[in-house]
Amino acid sequence: MDFRDTPEEAAFRTRVRTWLEANAQPRHNDDERFDEGMNEEQRLAAAKEWQGRKAGAGYAAITWPKEAGGLGGTPMQQVIYNQEEGKFLVPRMVFEVSMGMCLPTVAMWAAPELKARYLPPGLAGKEIWCQLFSEPSAGSDTGGIRMRAEKQGEEWVINGQKVWTSSAQFCDYGILLTRSDWDKPKQEGLTMFIVDMKAPGVEVRPIHQMSGDSEFNEVFFTDVRIADSHRLGPECGGWKVMLSTLMTERLSVGGNLPTNLHEGLITLARKARWNGRPAIEDARVKAGIADAYLAMHGLELLLARGITAVSQGKTPGPEMSITKLVGAKGMQDIAGFAMELAGAEGLLTHDTLGQEWRFMQRLWLSAPGARLAGGTDEVLKNVIAERVLGLPGEVRSDRKIPFRELER
């Protein structure tokens, strides 16, 4: 691994940092949020304004060609921008799916007239997109999708349900994976579309999470009509389109997983009292903080390996699944340890316990979901076993069976 920037990367990092310093406020700790005190309407307006400002500077889609509104840059430049933006207070959790998954898929698979229609406003922050893959019976097993797409002339009629769709409640469009042929094997009968989230028959129901947020949604489709011209890729070619969507996530490496959570533990251990003394003086607490540091440092090294591959013009390999596996479990373990530091008082919310506990409490409530989203622990272990360690593949008896013959 090479932890140093090349001269070109260092120059780009300086350029990005200078622009961010002129357009945003620095972030001082993990608990700071740009949208503190904002309602949903204000938060969306701020996110759209920031996305438009990034697009004007060429940073909204760094790897896109200049003629498409991008910077014509490299994947490593995108990684550098992600790293630097993470140090500033800017709107988040609105355009990540649009720019990281949906619009790259449209750019790769849509007809030219659709690209001209959807890419410019999406890039400029005027329209928000969501990804509609997961279903109640098809989460980690994407090939198990049952949302039915039936062709009628030049239109498709869509019926079914999606779930865990991030931010669907305020999205304008989405990319939708459906089952268009029930007589082909599970991965061969899928077709992808662009769908208008405001179309008749589309119903979005936010899911209230225990953290108090409603980041995820159920989405129901009842006789929703989509023109065949809004198909992405060939009919029954949705599996390949879906894989290309997931591959674009590699550009998010370097800016999304926190690697300094042990610092928050040190702060809380100094404040918490155990038997009348600061908890940090207890040997068990010191050992817990040391374990947290080692876990976070290991995660940082894994991320560095992926970043090195990107810097050398390579694609991070399947071993990058380890970062998600280690990072998600590490966040849950550290947040759980923080709750133990508070003792019985940990049952109180941060409003009563103290604002310094807010970040760890929110992390404790949201961390379990991180071990499901983007691939469960079990799926990632299979990836690591088969593609990193070279172990025999899992027995898959359903690959050549028509989907309608599979047991529900």
Protein backbone atom coordinates (compact mmCIF):
# COMPACT_ATOMS: atom_id res chain seq x y z
CA MET A 1 0.00 0.00 0.00
CA ASP A 2 1.06 3.56 -0.66
CA PHE A 3 -0.40 6.09 1.78
CA ARG A 4 1.02 9.10 -0.04
CA ASP A 5 -0.64 11.17 -2.75
CA THR A 6 1.10 11.39 -6.07
CA PRO A 7 2.07 14.97 -7.00
CA GLU A 8 -1.01 15.15 -9.24
CA GLU A 9 -3.27 13.82 -6.48
CA ALA A 10 -1.80 16.26 -3.95
CA ALA A 11 -2.45 19.18 -6.30
CA PHE A 12 -6.05 18.07 -6.83
CA ARG A 13 -6.55 17.64 -3.09
CA THR A 14 -5.34 21.19 -2.49
CA ARG A 15 -7.65 22.48 -5.21
CA VAL A 16 -10.65 20.67 -3.71
CA ARG A 17 -9.86 21.78 -0.16
CA THR A 18 -9.53 25.39 -1.26
CA TRP A 19 -12.93 25.27 -2.95
CA LEU A 20 -14.58 23.61 0.05
CA GLU A 21 -13.09 26.16 2.43
CA ALA A 22 -14.61 28.92 0.31
CA ASN A 23 -18.05 27.26 0.12
CA ALA A 24 -18.64 25.32 3.36
CA GLN A 25 -17.90 25.30 7.09
CA PRO A 26 -15.40 22.81 8.56
CA ARG A 27 -16.71 19.87 10.60
CA HIS A 28 -15.27 19.76 14.12
CA ASN A 29 -16.65 16.42 15.33
CA ASP A 30 -18.77 13.46 14.21
CA ASP A 31 -21.85 14.75 16.02
CA GLU A 32 -22.14 17.94 13.99
CA ARG A 33 -24.89 17.95 11.37
CA PHE A 34 -25.51 20.51 8.65
CA ASP A 35 -29.28 20.09 8.87
CA GLU A 36 -29.59 20.53 12.66
CA GLY A 37 -32.94 22.16 13.37
CA MET A 38 -34.10 22.05 9.74
CA ASN A 39 -37.43 20.58 8.66
CA GLU A 40 -37.61 18.27 5.65
CA GLU A 41 -38.45 21.04 3.17
CA GLN A 42 -35.49 23.14 4.31
CA ARG A 43 -33.17 20.14 4.26
CA LEU A 44 -34.12 19.23 0.69
CA ALA A 45 -33.77 22.83 -0.48
CA ALA A 46 -30.30 23.06 1.07
CA ALA A 47 -29.24 19.73 -0.48
CA LYS A 48 -30.43 20.81 -3.93
CA GLU A 49 -28.61 24.12 -3.62
CA TRP A 50 -25.38 22.38 -2.59
CA GLN A 51 -25.66 19.82 -5.39
CA GLY A 52 -26.14 22.64 -7.90
CA ARG A 53 -23.09 24.45 -6.53
CA LYS A 54 -20.98 21.30 -6.80
CA ALA A 55 -22.20 20.75 -10.36
CA GLY A 56 -21.22 24.29 -11.29
CA ALA A 57 -17.69 23.66 -10.03
CA GLY A 58 -17.43 20.26 -11.76
CA TYR A 59 -17.38 18.26 -8.51
CA ALA A 60 -20.86 16.70 -8.70
CA ALA A 61 -19.73 13.94 -11.09
CA ILE A 62 -15.96 14.02 -11.24
CA THR A 63 -15.50 10.94 -13.42
CA TRP A 64 -18.15 11.94 -15.96
CA PRO A 65 -16.98 13.44 -19.29
CA LYS A 66 -16.99 17.22 -19.47
CA GLU A 67 -19.57 17.18 -22.26
CA ALA A 68 -21.94 15.36 -19.85
CA GLY A 69 -21.43 17.96 -17.13
CA GLY A 70 -18.62 16.24 -15.26
CA LEU A 71 -14.96 17.02 -14.69
CA GLY A 72 -13.52 14.31 -16.94
CA GLY A 73 -11.48 13.16 -13.93
CA THR A 74 -10.30 9.85 -12.52
CA PRO A 75 -11.83 7.53 -9.91
CA MET A 76 -9.01 8.53 -7.55
CA GLN A 77 -9.99 12.16 -7.86
CA GLN A 78 -13.52 11.17 -6.84
CA VAL A 79 -12.10 9.36 -3.80
CA ILE A 80 -10.07 12.44 -2.86
CA TYR A 81 -13.11 14.67 -3.13
CA ASN A 82 -15.12 12.27 -0.93
CA GLN A 83 -12.37 12.35 1.70
CA GLU A 84 -12.13 16.12 1.76
CA GLU A 85 -15.88 16.81 1.68
CA GLY A 86 -16.25 14.52 4.71
CA LYS A 87 -14.35 17.13 6.73
CA PHE A 88 -16.97 19.82 6.09
CA LEU A 89 -20.54 20.50 7.16
CA VAL A 90 -22.53 19.94 3.98
CA PRO A 91 -25.96 18.39 3.21
CA ARG A 92 -25.90 14.60 3.12
CA MET A 93 -28.17 11.59 2.58
CA VAL A 94 -30.10 13.12 -0.33
CA PHE A 95 -28.11 12.80 -3.57
CA GLU A 96 -25.79 9.91 -2.66
CA VAL A 97 -28.00 7.30 -4.35
CA SER A 98 -28.76 9.57 -7.32
CA MET A 99 -25.11 10.23 -8.08
CA GLY A 100 -23.59 7.01 -6.80
CA MET A 101 -25.92 4.49 -8.42
CA CYS A 102 -28.92 5.70 -10.41
CA LEU A 103 -27.61 8.34 -12.79
CA PRO A 104 -24.46 6.34 -13.70
CA THR A 105 -26.80 3.48 -14.64
CA VAL A 106 -28.92 5.82 -16.77
CA ALA A 107 -25.74 7.14 -18.41
CA MET A 108 -24.59 3.61 -19.22
CA TRP A 109 -27.83 1.99 -20.39
CA ALA A 110 -30.48 4.56 -21.36
CA ALA A 111 -31.29 5.65 -24.92
CA PRO A 112 -29.66 8.97 -25.97
CA GLU A 113 -32.90 10.95 -25.67
CA LEU A 114 -33.39 9.69 -22.11
CA LYS A 115 -29.85 10.65 -21.17
CA ALA A 116 -30.47 14.15 -22.51
CA ARG A 117 -33.71 14.34 -20.50
CA TYR A 118 -32.59 12.96 -17.13
CA LEU A 119 -28.84 13.47 -16.66
CA PRO A 120 -28.59 17.31 -16.69
CA PRO A 121 -31.35 18.01 -14.10
CA GLY A 122 -30.19 15.10 -11.93
CA LEU A 123 -26.62 16.34 -11.97
CA ALA A 124 -27.70 19.90 -11.16
CA GLY A 125 -29.76 18.81 -8.17
CA LYS A 126 -33.17 19.55 -9.62
CA GLU A 127 -34.38 15.92 -9.44
CA ILE A 128 -33.71 13.21 -6.85
CA TRP A 129 -33.50 9.48 -7.60
CA CYS A 130 -33.87 6.25 -5.65
CA GLN A 131 -32.94 2.62 -6.29
CA LEU A 132 -35.78 0.07 -6.16
CA PHE A 133 -34.20 -3.39 -5.84
CA SER A 134 -35.00 -5.03 -2.47
CA GLU A 135 -38.33 -6.77 -1.80
CA PRO A 136 -39.79 -8.58 1.21
CA SER A 137 -38.68 -11.93 -0.27
CA ALA A 138 -35.61 -10.65 -2.17
CA GLY A 139 -33.11 -8.77 -0.05
CA SER A 140 -29.63 -10.24 -0.26
CA ASP A 141 -30.89 -12.65 -2.95
CA THR A 142 -31.55 -10.06 -5.65
CA GLY A 143 -32.34 -12.83 -8.13
CA GLY A 144 -35.45 -13.65 -6.10
CA ILE A 145 -37.32 -10.51 -7.21
CA ARG A 146 -41.06 -11.03 -7.79
CA MET A 147 -42.27 -7.58 -8.87
CA ARG A 148 -44.20 -8.42 -12.00
CA ALA A 149 -43.70 -6.55 -15.30
CA GLU A 150 -46.12 -7.52 -18.08
CA LYS A 151 -45.73 -6.06 -21.56
CA GLN A 152 -48.83 -4.61 -23.21
CA GLY A 153 -48.01 -3.12 -26.59
CA GLU A 154 -45.41 -0.39 -26.09
CA GLU A 155 -45.97 -0.24 -22.35
CA TRP A 156 -45.23 -2.38 -19.32
CA VAL A 157 -47.68 -2.82 -16.43
CA ILE A 158 -45.95 -3.13 -13.06
CA ASN A 159 -47.37 -4.71 -9.90
CA GLY A 160 -45.66 -5.58 -6.62
CA GLN A 161 -43.81 -4.20 -3.63
CA LYS A 162 -40.33 -2.89 -2.85
CA VAL A 163 -38.95 -2.31 0.65
CA TRP A 164 -36.00 -0.58 2.37
CA THR A 165 -35.92 2.02 -0.43
CA SER A 166 -33.80 4.90 0.86
CA SER A 167 -35.35 8.40 0.62
CA ALA A 168 -38.17 7.28 -1.72
CA GLN A 169 -40.61 9.64 -0.01
CA PHE A 170 -39.06 12.69 -1.64
CA CYS A 171 -37.65 11.22 -4.86
CA ASP A 172 -38.77 12.21 -8.35
CA TYR A 173 -37.54 9.14 -10.26
CA GLY A 174 -36.08 5.72 -9.61
CA ILE A 175 -34.43 2.76 -11.29
CA LEU A 176 -36.68 -0.28 -10.91
CA LEU A 177 -35.75 -3.98 -11.18
CA THR A 178 -38.65 -6.27 -12.13
CA ARG A 179 -39.47 -9.87 -13.07
CA SER A 180 -40.50 -9.82 -16.74
CA ASP A 181 -40.19 -13.55 -17.56
CA TRP A 182 -41.19 -16.21 -15.03
CA ASP A 183 -40.16 -19.11 -17.27
CA LYS A 184 -36.46 -18.21 -17.30
CA PRO A 185 -34.05 -19.01 -14.44
CA LYS A 186 -34.09 -16.44 -11.63
CA GLN A 187 -31.24 -14.23 -12.88
CA GLU A 188 -32.26 -14.35 -16.54
CA GLY A 189 -35.84 -13.08 -16.32
CA LEU A 190 -35.22 -9.59 -14.91
CA THR A 191 -35.70 -6.22 -16.65
CA MET A 192 -34.78 -2.72 -15.41
CA PHE A 193 -36.75 0.50 -15.97
CA ILE A 194 -36.79 4.19 -15.18
CA VAL A 195 -39.93 4.90 -13.14
CA ASP A 196 -41.65 8.18 -12.30
CA MET A 197 -42.15 8.10 -8.52
CA LYS A 198 -45.15 10.42 -8.88
CA ALA A 199 -46.90 8.20 -11.46
CA PRO A 200 -50.45 6.89 -10.78
CA GLY A 201 -50.32 3.65 -8.82
CA VAL A 202 -47.05 4.38 -6.97
CA GLU A 203 -47.52 4.56 -3.19
CA VAL A 204 -44.64 5.33 -0.82
CA ARG A 205 -44.95 4.47 2.89
CA PRO A 206 -42.09 5.67 5.14
CA ILE A 207 -40.82 3.17 7.73
CA HIS A 208 -40.45 4.68 11.20
CA GLN A 209 -37.14 3.48 12.65
CA MET A 210 -36.26 3.13 16.33
CA SER A 211 -33.72 5.95 15.90
CA GLY A 212 -36.64 8.29 15.16
CA ASP A 213 -35.70 8.66 11.49
CA SER A 214 -37.64 7.47 8.44
CA GLU A 215 -34.77 6.93 6.03
CA PHE A 216 -36.30 3.80 4.50
CA ASN A 217 -39.61 3.18 2.78
CA GLU A 218 -42.00 0.57 1.47
CA VAL A 219 -43.08 1.29 -2.11
CA PHE A 220 -46.19 -0.33 -3.62
CA PHE A 221 -46.90 -0.52 -7.36
CA THR A 222 -50.47 -1.10 -8.56
CA ASP A 223 -50.94 -1.25 -12.36
CA VAL A 224 -48.18 1.32 -12.89
CA ARG A 225 -47.54 1.91 -16.58
CA ILE A 226 -44.02 2.47 -17.92
CA ALA A 227 -43.24 3.09 -21.58
CA ASP A 228 -40.92 0.53 -23.16
CA SER A 229 -38.70 3.46 -24.18
CA HIS A 230 -37.87 3.84 -20.46
CA ARG A 231 -36.36 0.37 -20.26
CA LEU A 232 -32.69 0.27 -19.21
CA GLY A 233 -30.80 -2.32 -21.21
CA PRO A 234 -32.35 -5.23 -23.11
CA GLU A 235 -35.47 -7.09 -22.10
CA CYS A 236 -34.48 -9.79 -19.59
CA GLY A 237 -31.07 -8.16 -19.30
CA GLY A 238 -31.76 -6.59 -15.92
CA TRP A 239 -29.25 -8.73 -14.01
CA LYS A 240 -26.33 -7.31 -15.97
CA VAL A 241 -27.70 -3.78 -15.60
CA MET A 242 -28.10 -4.34 -11.86
CA LEU A 243 -24.49 -5.52 -11.51
CA SER A 244 -23.25 -2.39 -13.28
CA THR A 245 -25.25 -0.32 -10.79
CA LEU A 246 -23.63 -2.02 -7.83
CA MET A 247 -20.15 -1.66 -9.35
CA THR A 248 -20.41 2.13 -9.28
CA GLU A 249 -20.37 1.96 -5.46
CA ARG A 250 -16.62 1.43 -5.56
CA LEU A 251 -16.13 5.18 -6.01
CA SER A 252 -17.52 5.78 -2.54
CA VAL A 253 -14.46 4.21 -0.92
CA GLY A 254 -12.57 6.59 1.30
CA GLY A 255 -15.26 8.86 2.63
CA ASN A 256 -18.12 6.91 4.15
CA LEU A 257 -16.85 4.72 6.98
CA PRO A 258 -15.76 6.48 10.21
CA THR A 259 -12.35 5.31 11.43
CA ASN A 260 -11.99 7.48 14.54
CA LEU A 261 -14.84 6.22 16.72
CA HIS A 262 -12.39 5.30 19.49
CA GLU A 263 -11.83 9.02 20.05
CA GLY A 264 -15.47 9.43 21.01
CA LEU A 265 -15.12 6.58 23.49
CA ILE A 266 -12.18 8.32 25.17
CA THR A 267 -14.23 11.50 25.58
CA LEU A 268 -17.18 9.63 27.10
CA ALA A 269 -14.95 7.48 29.35
CA ARG A 270 -13.50 10.64 30.84
CA LYS A 271 -16.98 11.99 31.59
CA ALA A 272 -18.63 8.79 32.84
CA ARG A 273 -18.25 7.93 36.54
CA TRP A 274 -17.65 4.38 37.76
CA ASN A 275 -17.66 3.95 41.54
CA GLY A 276 -17.09 7.64 41.98
CA ARG A 277 -14.08 7.80 39.65
CA PRO A 278 -13.69 8.54 35.90
CA ALA A 279 -14.47 5.35 33.98
CA ILE A 280 -11.30 5.74 31.93
CA GLU A 281 -9.26 4.79 34.99
CA ASP A 282 -10.78 1.29 34.96
CA ALA A 283 -8.60 -1.37 33.31
CA ARG A 284 -11.60 -2.94 31.56
CA VAL A 285 -12.48 0.40 29.98
CA LYS A 286 -8.91 0.92 28.82
CA ALA A 287 -8.94 -2.53 27.24
CA GLY A 288 -12.24 -1.77 25.51
CA ILE A 289 -10.89 1.47 24.08
CA ALA A 290 -7.75 -0.35 22.90
CA ASP A 291 -9.90 -2.96 21.13
CA ALA A 292 -11.89 -0.17 19.46
CA TYR A 293 -8.70 1.54 18.31
CA LEU A 294 -7.35 -1.68 16.80
CA ALA A 295 -10.63 -2.36 14.99
CA MET A 296 -10.76 1.16 13.55
CA HIS A 297 -7.08 1.14 12.58
CA GLY A 298 -7.55 -2.19 10.81
CA LEU A 299 -10.50 -0.71 8.94
CA GLU A 300 -8.40 2.30 7.97
CA LEU A 301 -5.72 0.00 6.54
CA LEU A 302 -8.31 -1.96 4.54
CA LEU A 303 -9.67 1.28 3.11
CA ALA A 304 -6.13 2.35 2.27
CA ARG A 305 -5.67 -0.85 0.26
CA GLY A 306 -8.77 -0.05 -1.79
CA ILE A 307 -7.68 3.55 -2.28
CA THR A 308 -4.22 2.39 -3.41
CA ALA A 309 -5.85 0.17 -6.05
CA VAL A 310 -7.93 3.10 -7.32
CA SER A 311 -4.86 5.35 -7.39
CA GLN A 312 -3.06 2.78 -9.55
CA GLY A 313 -5.96 2.64 -12.00
CA LYS A 314 -7.22 -0.69 -10.74
CA THR A 315 -10.66 -1.71 -9.47
CA PRO A 316 -10.75 -2.65 -5.77
CA GLY A 317 -11.20 -6.40 -5.54
CA PRO A 318 -13.72 -8.50 -3.63
CA GLU A 319 -11.52 -8.19 -0.54
CA MET A 320 -13.13 -4.76 -0.11
CA SER A 321 -16.16 -6.68 1.17
CA ILE A 322 -14.06 -7.08 4.31
CA THR A 323 -14.23 -3.33 4.98
CA LYS A 324 -18.00 -3.38 5.19
CA LEU A 325 -18.00 -6.55 7.29
CA VAL A 326 -15.42 -5.20 9.75
CA GLY A 327 -16.74 -1.64 9.73
CA ALA A 328 -20.39 -2.49 10.39
CA LYS A 329 -19.59 -4.87 13.26
CA GLY A 330 -17.02 -2.44 14.65
CA MET A 331 -19.54 0.42 14.73
CA GLN A 332 -22.08 -1.75 16.55
CA ASP A 333 -19.51 -3.02 19.07
CA ILE A 334 -18.17 0.47 19.81
CA ALA A 335 -21.64 1.97 20.19
CA GLY A 336 -22.61 -0.89 22.52
CA PHE A 337 -19.50 -0.30 24.61
CA ALA A 338 -20.39 3.40 24.85
CA MET A 339 -23.83 2.47 26.18
CA GLU A 340 -22.19 0.27 28.81
CA LEU A 341 -20.04 3.21 29.88
CA ALA A 342 -23.19 5.10 30.85
CA GLY A 343 -24.40 2.23 33.03
CA ALA A 344 -28.07 2.27 34.00
CA GLU A 345 -28.25 5.92 32.92
CA GLY A 346 -27.66 4.72 29.36
CA LEU A 347 -31.39 4.04 29.21
CA LEU A 348 -31.95 7.81 29.21
CA THR A 349 -31.87 9.78 25.97
CA HIS A 350 -29.15 12.30 25.30
CA ASP A 351 -31.62 15.09 26.05
CA THR A 352 -31.36 14.03 29.70
CA LEU A 353 -27.98 12.32 29.82
CA GLY A 354 -26.09 15.06 27.94
CA GLN A 355 -25.54 16.11 24.35
CA GLU A 356 -22.12 14.46 24.28
CA TRP A 357 -23.94 11.09 24.25
CA ARG A 358 -26.09 11.89 21.22
CA PHE A 359 -23.81 10.57 18.49
CA MET A 360 -23.14 7.22 20.18
CA GLN A 361 -26.82 6.75 21.03
CA ARG A 362 -27.85 7.37 17.42
CA LEU A 363 -25.07 5.03 16.26
CA TRP A 364 -26.29 2.33 18.68
CA LEU A 365 -29.79 2.54 17.24
CA SER A 366 -28.73 2.59 13.59
CA ALA A 367 -25.71 0.24 13.63
CA PRO A 368 -27.69 -3.04 13.38
CA GLY A 369 -29.06 -1.90 10.01
CA ALA A 370 -25.53 -1.39 8.70
CA ARG A 371 -25.00 -5.14 8.99
CA LEU A 372 -27.91 -5.70 6.59
CA ALA A 373 -27.75 -2.83 4.09
CA GLY A 374 -25.44 -3.33 1.13
CA GLY A 375 -25.15 -7.07 1.75
CA THR A 376 -25.67 -9.00 4.97
CA ASP A 377 -22.76 -10.37 7.00
CA GLU A 378 -23.55 -13.85 5.70
CA VAL A 379 -23.50 -12.81 2.03
CA LEU A 380 -20.24 -10.92 2.47
CA LYS A 381 -18.63 -13.91 4.18
CA ASN A 382 -19.58 -16.03 1.17
CA VAL A 383 -18.00 -13.46 -1.16
CA ILE A 384 -14.80 -13.44 0.89
CA ALA A 385 -14.71 -17.24 1.15
CA GLU A 386 -15.23 -17.86 -2.57
CA ARG A 387 -13.53 -14.90 -4.26
CA VAL A 388 -10.74 -14.02 -1.81
CA LEU A 389 -9.85 -17.30 -0.11
CA GLY A 390 -10.70 -19.49 -3.11
CA LEU A 391 -12.87 -21.90 -1.11
CA PRO A 392 -15.43 -24.10 -2.92
CA GLY A 393 -18.51 -22.18 -3.98
CA GLU A 394 -21.81 -22.46 -2.17
CA VAL A 395 -24.12 -25.07 -3.71
CA ARG A 396 -26.72 -23.23 -5.82
CA SER A 397 -29.33 -25.63 -7.11
CA ASP A 398 -31.69 -22.99 -8.51
CA ARG A 399 -29.57 -21.54 -11.30
CA LYS A 400 -31.16 -23.39 -14.22
CA ILE A 401 -34.70 -23.89 -12.90
CA PRO A 402 -37.51 -21.69 -14.30
CA PHE A 403 -38.32 -19.10 -11.67
CA ARG A 404 -42.01 -20.02 -11.43
CA GLU A 405 -41.02 -23.55 -10.36
CA LEU A 406 -38.96 -22.37 -7.38
CA GLU A 407 -40.47 -22.77 -3.95
CA ARG A 408 -41.59 -19.54 -2.34
